[in-house]
mmCIF file of all heavy atoms, coordinates in Angstrom:
data_MODEL
# 
_entry.id   MODEL 
# 
loop_
_atom_site.group_PDB 
_atom_site.id 
_atom_site.type_symbol 
_atom_site.label_atom_id 
_atom_site.label_alt_id 
_atom_site.label_comp_id 
_atom_site.label_asym_id 
_atom_site.label_entity_id 
_atom_site.label_seq_id 
_atom_site.pdbx_PDB_ins_code 
_atom_site.Cartn_x 
_atom_site.Cartn_y 
_atom_site.Cartn_z 
_atom_site.occupancy 
_atom_site.B_iso_or_equiv 
_atom_site.pdbx_formal_charge 
_atom_site.auth_seq_id 
_atom_site.auth_comp_id 
_atom_site.auth_asym_id 
_atom_site.auth_atom_id 
_atom_site.pdbx_PDB_model_num 
ATOM 1   N N   . ARG A 1 1  ? 0.848  -1.211  -0.012  1.00 0.00 ? 1  ARG A N   1 
ATOM 2   C CA  . ARG A 1 1  ? -0.028 0.038   -0.023  1.00 0.00 ? 1  ARG A CA  1 
ATOM 3   C C   . ARG A 1 1  ? 0.908  1.267   -0.032  1.00 0.00 ? 1  ARG A C   1 
ATOM 4   O O   . ARG A 1 1  ? 0.514  2.229   -0.658  1.00 0.00 ? 1  ARG A O   1 
ATOM 5   C CB  . ARG A 1 1  ? -0.897 -0.026  1.206   1.00 0.00 ? 1  ARG A CB  1 
ATOM 6   C CG  . ARG A 1 1  ? -1.968 -1.086  1.168   1.00 0.00 ? 1  ARG A CG  1 
ATOM 7   C CD  . ARG A 1 1  ? -2.910 -1.029  2.358   1.00 0.00 ? 1  ARG A CD  1 
ATOM 8   N NE  . ARG A 1 1  ? -3.663 0.216   2.389   1.00 0.00 ? 1  ARG A NE  1 
ATOM 9   C CZ  . ARG A 1 1  ? -3.922 1.012   3.451   1.00 0.00 ? 1  ARG A CZ  1 
ATOM 10  N NH1 . ARG A 1 1  ? -3.285 0.743   4.546   1.00 0.00 ? 1  ARG A NH1 1 
ATOM 11  N NH2 . ARG A 1 1  ? -4.709 1.988   3.244   1.00 0.00 ? 1  ARG A NH2 1 
ATOM 12  N N   . ASP A 1 2  ? 1.969  1.291   0.738   1.00 0.00 ? 2  ASP A N   1 
ATOM 13  C CA  . ASP A 1 2  ? 2.854  2.455   0.786   1.00 0.00 ? 2  ASP A CA  1 
ATOM 14  C C   . ASP A 1 2  ? 3.958  2.231   -0.219  1.00 0.00 ? 2  ASP A C   1 
ATOM 15  O O   . ASP A 1 2  ? 4.515  3.176   -0.806  1.00 0.00 ? 2  ASP A O   1 
ATOM 16  C CB  . ASP A 1 2  ? 3.434  2.606   2.166   1.00 0.00 ? 2  ASP A CB  1 
ATOM 17  C CG  . ASP A 1 2  ? 2.316  3.115   3.196   1.00 0.00 ? 2  ASP A CG  1 
ATOM 18  O OD1 . ASP A 1 2  ? 1.589  4.080   2.790   1.00 0.00 ? 2  ASP A OD1 1 
ATOM 19  O OD2 . ASP A 1 2  ? 2.337  2.585   4.267   1.00 0.00 ? 2  ASP A OD2 1 
ATOM 20  N N   . TYR A 1 3  ? 4.444  1.012   -0.499  1.00 0.00 ? 3  TYR A N   1 
ATOM 21  C CA  . TYR A 1 3  ? 5.464  0.817   -1.380  1.00 0.00 ? 3  TYR A CA  1 
ATOM 22  C C   . TYR A 1 3  ? 5.205  1.270   -2.761  1.00 0.00 ? 3  TYR A C   1 
ATOM 23  O O   . TYR A 1 3  ? 6.045  1.739   -3.457  1.00 0.00 ? 3  TYR A O   1 
ATOM 24  C CB  . TYR A 1 3  ? 5.961  -0.731  -1.315  1.00 0.00 ? 3  TYR A CB  1 
ATOM 25  C CG  . TYR A 1 3  ? 7.014  -1.150  -2.191  1.00 0.00 ? 3  TYR A CG  1 
ATOM 26  C CD1 . TYR A 1 3  ? 8.305  -0.871  -2.003  1.00 0.00 ? 3  TYR A CD1 1 
ATOM 27  C CD2 . TYR A 1 3  ? 6.616  -1.803  -3.501  1.00 0.00 ? 3  TYR A CD2 1 
ATOM 28  C CE1 . TYR A 1 3  ? 9.388  -1.220  -2.829  1.00 0.00 ? 3  TYR A CE1 1 
ATOM 29  C CE2 . TYR A 1 3  ? 7.668  -2.136  -4.305  1.00 0.00 ? 3  TYR A CE2 1 
ATOM 30  C CZ  . TYR A 1 3  ? 9.024  -1.816  -4.122  1.00 0.00 ? 3  TYR A CZ  1 
ATOM 31  O OH  . TYR A 1 3  ? 9.976  -2.205  -4.994  1.00 0.00 ? 3  TYR A OH  1 
ATOM 32  N N   . LEU A 1 4  ? 4.024  0.887   -3.287  1.00 0.00 ? 4  LEU A N   1 
ATOM 33  C CA  . LEU A 1 4  ? 3.654  1.227   -4.660  1.00 0.00 ? 4  LEU A CA  1 
ATOM 34  C C   . LEU A 1 4  ? 3.294  2.593   -4.849  1.00 0.00 ? 4  LEU A C   1 
ATOM 35  O O   . LEU A 1 4  ? 3.281  3.147   -6.034  1.00 0.00 ? 4  LEU A O   1 
ATOM 36  C CB  . LEU A 1 4  ? 2.463  0.338   -5.056  1.00 0.00 ? 4  LEU A CB  1 
ATOM 37  C CG  . LEU A 1 4  ? 2.790  -1.194  -5.375  1.00 0.00 ? 4  LEU A CG  1 
ATOM 38  C CD1 . LEU A 1 4  ? 1.530  -1.948  -5.729  1.00 0.00 ? 4  LEU A CD1 1 
ATOM 39  C CD2 . LEU A 1 4  ? 3.828  -1.295  -6.445  1.00 0.00 ? 4  LEU A CD2 1 
ATOM 40  N N   . ARG A 1 5  ? 3.038  3.407   -3.837  1.00 0.00 ? 5  ARG A N   1 
ATOM 41  C CA  . ARG A 1 5  ? 2.539  4.776   -3.953  1.00 0.00 ? 5  ARG A CA  1 
ATOM 42  C C   . ARG A 1 5  ? 3.706  5.534   -4.612  1.00 0.00 ? 5  ARG A C   1 
ATOM 43  O O   . ARG A 1 5  ? 4.827  5.611   -4.221  1.00 0.00 ? 5  ARG A O   1 
ATOM 44  C CB  . ARG A 1 5  ? 2.174  5.350   -2.679  1.00 0.00 ? 5  ARG A CB  1 
ATOM 45  C CG  . ARG A 1 5  ? 1.554  6.765   -2.691  1.00 0.00 ? 5  ARG A CG  1 
ATOM 46  C CD  . ARG A 1 5  ? 0.959  7.134   -1.366  1.00 0.00 ? 5  ARG A CD  1 
ATOM 47  N NE  . ARG A 1 5  ? 1.818  6.989   -0.304  1.00 0.00 ? 5  ARG A NE  1 
ATOM 48  C CZ  . ARG A 1 5  ? 1.565  7.119   1.005   1.00 0.00 ? 5  ARG A CZ  1 
ATOM 49  N NH1 . ARG A 1 5  ? 0.279  7.481   1.332   1.00 0.00 ? 5  ARG A NH1 1 
ATOM 50  N NH2 . ARG A 1 5  ? 2.481  6.969   1.971   1.00 0.00 ? 5  ARG A NH2 1 
ATOM 51  N N   . GLY A 1 6  ? 3.357  6.181   -5.768  1.00 0.00 ? 6  GLY A N   1 
ATOM 52  C CA  . GLY A 1 6  ? 4.274  7.125   -6.506  1.00 0.00 ? 6  GLY A CA  1 
ATOM 53  C C   . GLY A 1 6  ? 5.266  6.325   -7.404  1.00 0.00 ? 6  GLY A C   1 
ATOM 54  O O   . GLY A 1 6  ? 6.022  6.895   -8.123  1.00 0.00 ? 6  GLY A O   1 
ATOM 55  N N   . SER A 1 7  ? 5.135  4.928   -7.531  1.00 0.00 ? 7  SER A N   1 
ATOM 56  C CA  . SER A 1 7  ? 5.943  4.164   -8.454  1.00 0.00 ? 7  SER A CA  1 
ATOM 57  C C   . SER A 1 7  ? 5.358  4.041   -9.782  1.00 0.00 ? 7  SER A C   1 
ATOM 58  O O   . SER A 1 7  ? 4.179  4.354   -10.057 1.00 0.00 ? 7  SER A O   1 
ATOM 59  C CB  . SER A 1 7  ? 6.308  2.810   -7.849  1.00 0.00 ? 7  SER A CB  1 
ATOM 60  O OG  . SER A 1 7  ? 5.134  2.122   -7.635  1.00 0.00 ? 7  SER A OG  1 
ATOM 61  N N   . GLY A 1 8  ? 6.158  3.693   -10.790 1.00 0.00 ? 8  GLY A N   1 
ATOM 62  C CA  . GLY A 1 8  ? 5.641  3.621   -12.126 1.00 0.00 ? 8  GLY A CA  1 
ATOM 63  C C   . GLY A 1 8  ? 4.584  2.512   -12.312 1.00 0.00 ? 8  GLY A C   1 
ATOM 64  O O   . GLY A 1 8  ? 4.826  1.479   -11.909 1.00 0.00 ? 8  GLY A O   1 
ATOM 65  N N   . GLY A 1 9  ? 3.547  2.782   -12.948 1.00 0.00 ? 9  GLY A N   1 
ATOM 66  C CA  . GLY A 1 9  ? 2.565  1.804   -13.211 1.00 0.00 ? 9  GLY A CA  1 
ATOM 67  C C   . GLY A 1 9  ? 1.878  1.194   -12.014 1.00 0.00 ? 9  GLY A C   1 
ATOM 68  O O   . GLY A 1 9  ? 1.462  0.022   -11.931 1.00 0.00 ? 9  GLY A O   1 
ATOM 69  N N   . ALA A 1 10 ? 1.744  2.023   -10.933 1.00 0.00 ? 10 ALA A N   1 
ATOM 70  C CA  . ALA A 1 10 ? 1.318  1.497   -9.617  1.00 0.00 ? 10 ALA A CA  1 
ATOM 71  C C   . ALA A 1 10 ? -0.044 0.940   -9.722  1.00 0.00 ? 10 ALA A C   1 
ATOM 72  O O   . ALA A 1 10 ? -0.304 -0.160  -9.172  1.00 0.00 ? 10 ALA A O   1 
ATOM 73  C CB  . ALA A 1 10 ? 1.459  2.589   -8.609  1.00 0.00 ? 10 ALA A CB  1 
ATOM 74  N N   . ARG A 1 11 ? -1.005 1.627   -10.408 1.00 0.00 ? 11 ARG A N   1 
ATOM 75  C CA  . ARG A 1 11 ? -2.334 1.085   -10.373 1.00 0.00 ? 11 ARG A CA  1 
ATOM 76  C C   . ARG A 1 11 ? -2.444 -0.258  -11.174 1.00 0.00 ? 11 ARG A C   1 
ATOM 77  O O   . ARG A 1 11 ? -3.122 -1.136  -10.717 1.00 0.00 ? 11 ARG A O   1 
ATOM 78  C CB  . ARG A 1 11 ? -3.257 2.083   -11.023 1.00 0.00 ? 11 ARG A CB  1 
ATOM 79  C CG  . ARG A 1 11 ? -3.589 3.267   -10.195 1.00 0.00 ? 11 ARG A CG  1 
ATOM 80  C CD  . ARG A 1 11 ? -4.659 4.158   -10.807 1.00 0.00 ? 11 ARG A CD  1 
ATOM 81  N NE  . ARG A 1 11 ? -4.121 4.909   -11.941 1.00 0.00 ? 11 ARG A NE  1 
ATOM 82  C CZ  . ARG A 1 11 ? -4.851 5.321   -12.911 1.00 0.00 ? 11 ARG A CZ  1 
ATOM 83  N NH1 . ARG A 1 11 ? -6.242 5.167   -12.904 1.00 0.00 ? 11 ARG A NH1 1 
ATOM 84  N NH2 . ARG A 1 11 ? -4.318 6.033   -13.944 1.00 0.00 ? 11 ARG A NH2 1 
ATOM 85  N N   . ALA A 1 12 ? -1.775 -0.282  -12.317 1.00 0.00 ? 12 ALA A N   1 
ATOM 86  C CA  . ALA A 1 12 ? -1.714 -1.603  -13.060 1.00 0.00 ? 12 ALA A CA  1 
ATOM 87  C C   . ALA A 1 12 ? -1.103 -2.673  -12.206 1.00 0.00 ? 12 ALA A C   1 
ATOM 88  O O   . ALA A 1 12 ? -1.583 -3.836  -12.202 1.00 0.00 ? 12 ALA A O   1 
ATOM 89  C CB  . ALA A 1 12 ? -1.046 -1.369  -14.360 1.00 0.00 ? 12 ALA A CB  1 
ATOM 90  N N   . VAL A 1 13 ? -0.044 -2.413  -11.563 1.00 0.00 ? 13 VAL A N   1 
ATOM 91  C CA  . VAL A 1 13 ? 0.652  -3.406  -10.780 1.00 0.00 ? 13 VAL A CA  1 
ATOM 92  C C   . VAL A 1 13 ? -0.212 -3.837  -9.693  1.00 0.00 ? 13 VAL A C   1 
ATOM 93  O O   . VAL A 1 13 ? -0.312 -5.095  -9.288  1.00 0.00 ? 13 VAL A O   1 
ATOM 94  C CB  . VAL A 1 13 ? 2.033  -2.954  -10.195 1.00 0.00 ? 13 VAL A CB  1 
ATOM 95  C CG1 . VAL A 1 13 ? 2.623  -3.812  -9.205  1.00 0.00 ? 13 VAL A CG1 1 
ATOM 96  C CG2 . VAL A 1 13 ? 2.990  -2.596  -11.437 1.00 0.00 ? 13 VAL A CG2 1 
ATOM 97  N N   . GLY A 1 14 ? -0.923 -2.892  -9.035  1.00 0.00 ? 14 GLY A N   1 
ATOM 98  C CA  . GLY A 1 14 ? -1.860 -3.299  -7.918  1.00 0.00 ? 14 GLY A CA  1 
ATOM 99  C C   . GLY A 1 14 ? -2.986 -4.227  -8.451  1.00 0.00 ? 14 GLY A C   1 
ATOM 100 O O   . GLY A 1 14 ? -3.244 -5.193  -7.709  1.00 0.00 ? 14 GLY A O   1 
ATOM 101 N N   . ALA A 1 15 ? -3.500 -3.944  -9.569  1.00 0.00 ? 15 ALA A N   1 
ATOM 102 C CA  . ALA A 1 15 ? -4.542 -4.741  -10.150 1.00 0.00 ? 15 ALA A CA  1 
ATOM 103 C C   . ALA A 1 15 ? -3.908 -6.105  -10.505 1.00 0.00 ? 15 ALA A C   1 
ATOM 104 O O   . ALA A 1 15 ? -4.577 -7.248  -10.250 1.00 0.00 ? 15 ALA A O   1 
ATOM 105 C CB  . ALA A 1 15 ? -5.165 -4.141  -11.280 1.00 0.00 ? 15 ALA A CB  1 
ATOM 106 N N   . LEU A 1 16 ? -2.734 -6.201  -11.095 1.00 0.00 ? 16 LEU A N   1 
ATOM 107 C CA  . LEU A 1 16 ? -2.216 -7.490  -11.466 1.00 0.00 ? 16 LEU A CA  1 
ATOM 108 C C   . LEU A 1 16 ? -1.827 -8.282  -10.232 1.00 0.00 ? 16 LEU A C   1 
ATOM 109 O O   . LEU A 1 16 ? -1.746 -9.593  -10.264 1.00 0.00 ? 16 LEU A O   1 
ATOM 110 C CB  . LEU A 1 16 ? -1.015 -7.195  -12.368 1.00 0.00 ? 16 LEU A CB  1 
ATOM 111 C CG  . LEU A 1 16 ? -1.282 -6.690  -13.784 1.00 0.00 ? 16 LEU A CG  1 
ATOM 112 C CD1 . LEU A 1 16 ? -0.026 -6.186  -14.472 1.00 0.00 ? 16 LEU A CD1 1 
ATOM 113 C CD2 . LEU A 1 16 ? -1.978 -7.825  -14.558 1.00 0.00 ? 16 LEU A CD2 1 
ATOM 114 N N   . THR A 1 17 ? -1.553 -7.603  -9.098  1.00 0.00 ? 17 THR A N   1 
ATOM 115 C CA  . THR A 1 17 ? -1.290 -8.314  -7.877  1.00 0.00 ? 17 THR A CA  1 
ATOM 116 C C   . THR A 1 17 ? -2.451 -9.199  -7.540  1.00 0.00 ? 17 THR A C   1 
ATOM 117 O O   . THR A 1 17 ? -2.346 -10.328 -7.144  1.00 0.00 ? 17 THR A O   1 
ATOM 118 C CB  . THR A 1 17 ? -0.778 -7.364  -6.732  1.00 0.00 ? 17 THR A CB  1 
ATOM 119 O OG1 . THR A 1 17 ? 0.348  -6.695  -7.167  1.00 0.00 ? 17 THR A OG1 1 
ATOM 120 C CG2 . THR A 1 17 ? -0.570 -8.116  -5.509  1.00 0.00 ? 17 THR A CG2 1 
ATOM 121 N N   . ALA A 1 18 ? -3.683 -8.557  -7.614  1.00 0.00 ? 18 ALA A N   1 
ATOM 122 C CA  . ALA A 1 18 ? -4.844 -9.358  -7.290  1.00 0.00 ? 18 ALA A CA  1 
ATOM 123 C C   . ALA A 1 18 ? -5.082 -10.472 -8.222  1.00 0.00 ? 18 ALA A C   1 
ATOM 124 O O   . ALA A 1 18 ? -5.407 -11.548 -7.797  1.00 0.00 ? 18 ALA A O   1 
ATOM 125 C CB  . ALA A 1 18 ? -6.013 -8.364  -7.278  1.00 0.00 ? 18 ALA A CB  1 
ATOM 126 N N   . ALA A 1 19 ? -4.739 -10.239 -9.521  1.00 0.00 ? 19 ALA A N   1 
ATOM 127 C CA  . ALA A 1 19 ? -4.953 -11.289 -10.505 1.00 0.00 ? 19 ALA A CA  1 
ATOM 128 C C   . ALA A 1 19 ? -3.885 -12.477 -10.194 1.00 0.00 ? 19 ALA A C   1 
ATOM 129 O O   . ALA A 1 19 ? -4.233 -13.616 -10.317 1.00 0.00 ? 19 ALA A O   1 
ATOM 130 C CB  . ALA A 1 19 ? -4.689 -10.820 -11.888 1.00 0.00 ? 19 ALA A CB  1 
ATOM 131 N N   . PHE A 1 20 ? -2.753 -12.131 -9.836  1.00 0.00 ? 20 PHE A N   1 
ATOM 132 C CA  . PHE A 1 20 ? -1.699 -13.204 -9.460  1.00 0.00 ? 20 PHE A CA  1 
ATOM 133 C C   . PHE A 1 20 ? -2.101 -14.014 -8.267  1.00 0.00 ? 20 PHE A C   1 
ATOM 134 O O   . PHE A 1 20 ? -2.088 -15.215 -8.239  1.00 0.00 ? 20 PHE A O   1 
ATOM 135 C CB  . PHE A 1 20 ? -0.362 -12.429 -9.140  1.00 0.00 ? 20 PHE A CB  1 
ATOM 136 C CG  . PHE A 1 20 ? 0.797  -13.364 -8.818  1.00 0.00 ? 20 PHE A CG  1 
ATOM 137 C CD1 . PHE A 1 20 ? 0.855  -14.567 -9.521  1.00 0.00 ? 20 PHE A CD1 1 
ATOM 138 C CD2 . PHE A 1 20 ? 1.713  -12.965 -7.908  1.00 0.00 ? 20 PHE A CD2 1 
ATOM 139 C CE1 . PHE A 1 20 ? 2.039  -15.325 -9.162  1.00 0.00 ? 20 PHE A CE1 1 
ATOM 140 C CE2 . PHE A 1 20 ? 2.825  -13.809 -7.592  1.00 0.00 ? 20 PHE A CE2 1 
ATOM 141 C CZ  . PHE A 1 20 ? 2.966  -15.048 -8.234  1.00 0.00 ? 20 PHE A CZ  1 
ATOM 142 N N   . LEU A 1 21 ? -2.648 -13.282 -7.210  1.00 0.00 ? 21 LEU A N   1 
ATOM 143 C CA  . LEU A 1 21 ? -3.192 -14.042 -5.978  1.00 0.00 ? 21 LEU A CA  1 
ATOM 144 C C   . LEU A 1 21 ? -4.346 -14.941 -6.394  1.00 0.00 ? 21 LEU A C   1 
ATOM 145 O O   . LEU A 1 21 ? -4.417 -16.041 -5.878  1.00 0.00 ? 21 LEU A O   1 
ATOM 146 C CB  . LEU A 1 21 ? -3.520 -13.012 -4.977  1.00 0.00 ? 21 LEU A CB  1 
ATOM 147 C CG  . LEU A 1 21 ? -2.347 -12.322 -4.290  1.00 0.00 ? 21 LEU A CG  1 
ATOM 148 C CD1 . LEU A 1 21 ? -2.875 -11.190 -3.442  1.00 0.00 ? 21 LEU A CD1 1 
ATOM 149 C CD2 . LEU A 1 21 ? -1.524 -13.253 -3.493  1.00 0.00 ? 21 LEU A CD2 1 
ATOM 150 N N   . LEU A 1 22 ? -5.242 -14.396 -7.242  1.00 0.00 ? 22 LEU A N   1 
ATOM 151 C CA  . LEU A 1 22 ? -6.339 -15.260 -7.647  1.00 0.00 ? 22 LEU A CA  1 
ATOM 152 C C   . LEU A 1 22 ? -5.971 -16.455 -8.361  1.00 0.00 ? 22 LEU A C   1 
ATOM 153 O O   . LEU A 1 22 ? -6.426 -17.570 -8.294  1.00 0.00 ? 22 LEU A O   1 
ATOM 154 C CB  . LEU A 1 22 ? -7.283 -14.427 -8.557  1.00 0.00 ? 22 LEU A CB  1 
ATOM 155 C CG  . LEU A 1 22 ? -8.269 -13.552 -7.801  1.00 0.00 ? 22 LEU A CG  1 
ATOM 156 C CD1 . LEU A 1 22 ? -8.987 -12.586 -8.763  1.00 0.00 ? 22 LEU A CD1 1 
ATOM 157 C CD2 . LEU A 1 22 ? -9.264 -14.263 -6.951  1.00 0.00 ? 22 LEU A CD2 1 
ATOM 158 N N   . ALA A 1 23 ? -4.885 -16.325 -9.291  1.00 0.00 ? 23 ALA A N   1 
ATOM 159 C CA  . ALA A 1 23 ? -4.291 -17.411 -9.931  1.00 0.00 ? 23 ALA A CA  1 
ATOM 160 C C   . ALA A 1 23 ? -3.683 -18.481 -9.026  1.00 0.00 ? 23 ALA A C   1 
ATOM 161 O O   . ALA A 1 23 ? -3.946 -19.745 -9.149  1.00 0.00 ? 23 ALA A O   1 
ATOM 162 C CB  . ALA A 1 23 ? -3.226 -16.952 -10.952 1.00 0.00 ? 23 ALA A CB  1 
ATOM 163 N N   . LEU A 1 24 ? -3.047 -18.031 -7.957  1.00 0.00 ? 24 LEU A N   1 
ATOM 164 C CA  . LEU A 1 24 ? -2.441 -18.893 -6.982  1.00 0.00 ? 24 LEU A CA  1 
ATOM 165 C C   . LEU A 1 24 ? -3.590 -19.716 -6.298  1.00 0.00 ? 24 LEU A C   1 
ATOM 166 O O   . LEU A 1 24 ? -3.527 -20.900 -6.128  1.00 0.00 ? 24 LEU A O   1 
ATOM 167 C CB  . LEU A 1 24 ? -1.509 -18.133 -5.970  1.00 0.00 ? 24 LEU A CB  1 
ATOM 168 C CG  . LEU A 1 24 ? -0.296 -17.542 -6.542  1.00 0.00 ? 24 LEU A CG  1 
ATOM 169 C CD1 . LEU A 1 24 ? 0.312  -16.645 -5.450  1.00 0.00 ? 24 LEU A CD1 1 
ATOM 170 C CD2 . LEU A 1 24 ? 0.705  -18.582 -6.848  1.00 0.00 ? 24 LEU A CD2 1 
# 
């Protein structure tokens, strides 16, 4: 939540993180 703030492509990475967890 704090690590991604201000980093490149943060919103897309956050969404893909959920997709990764759903795949697991």
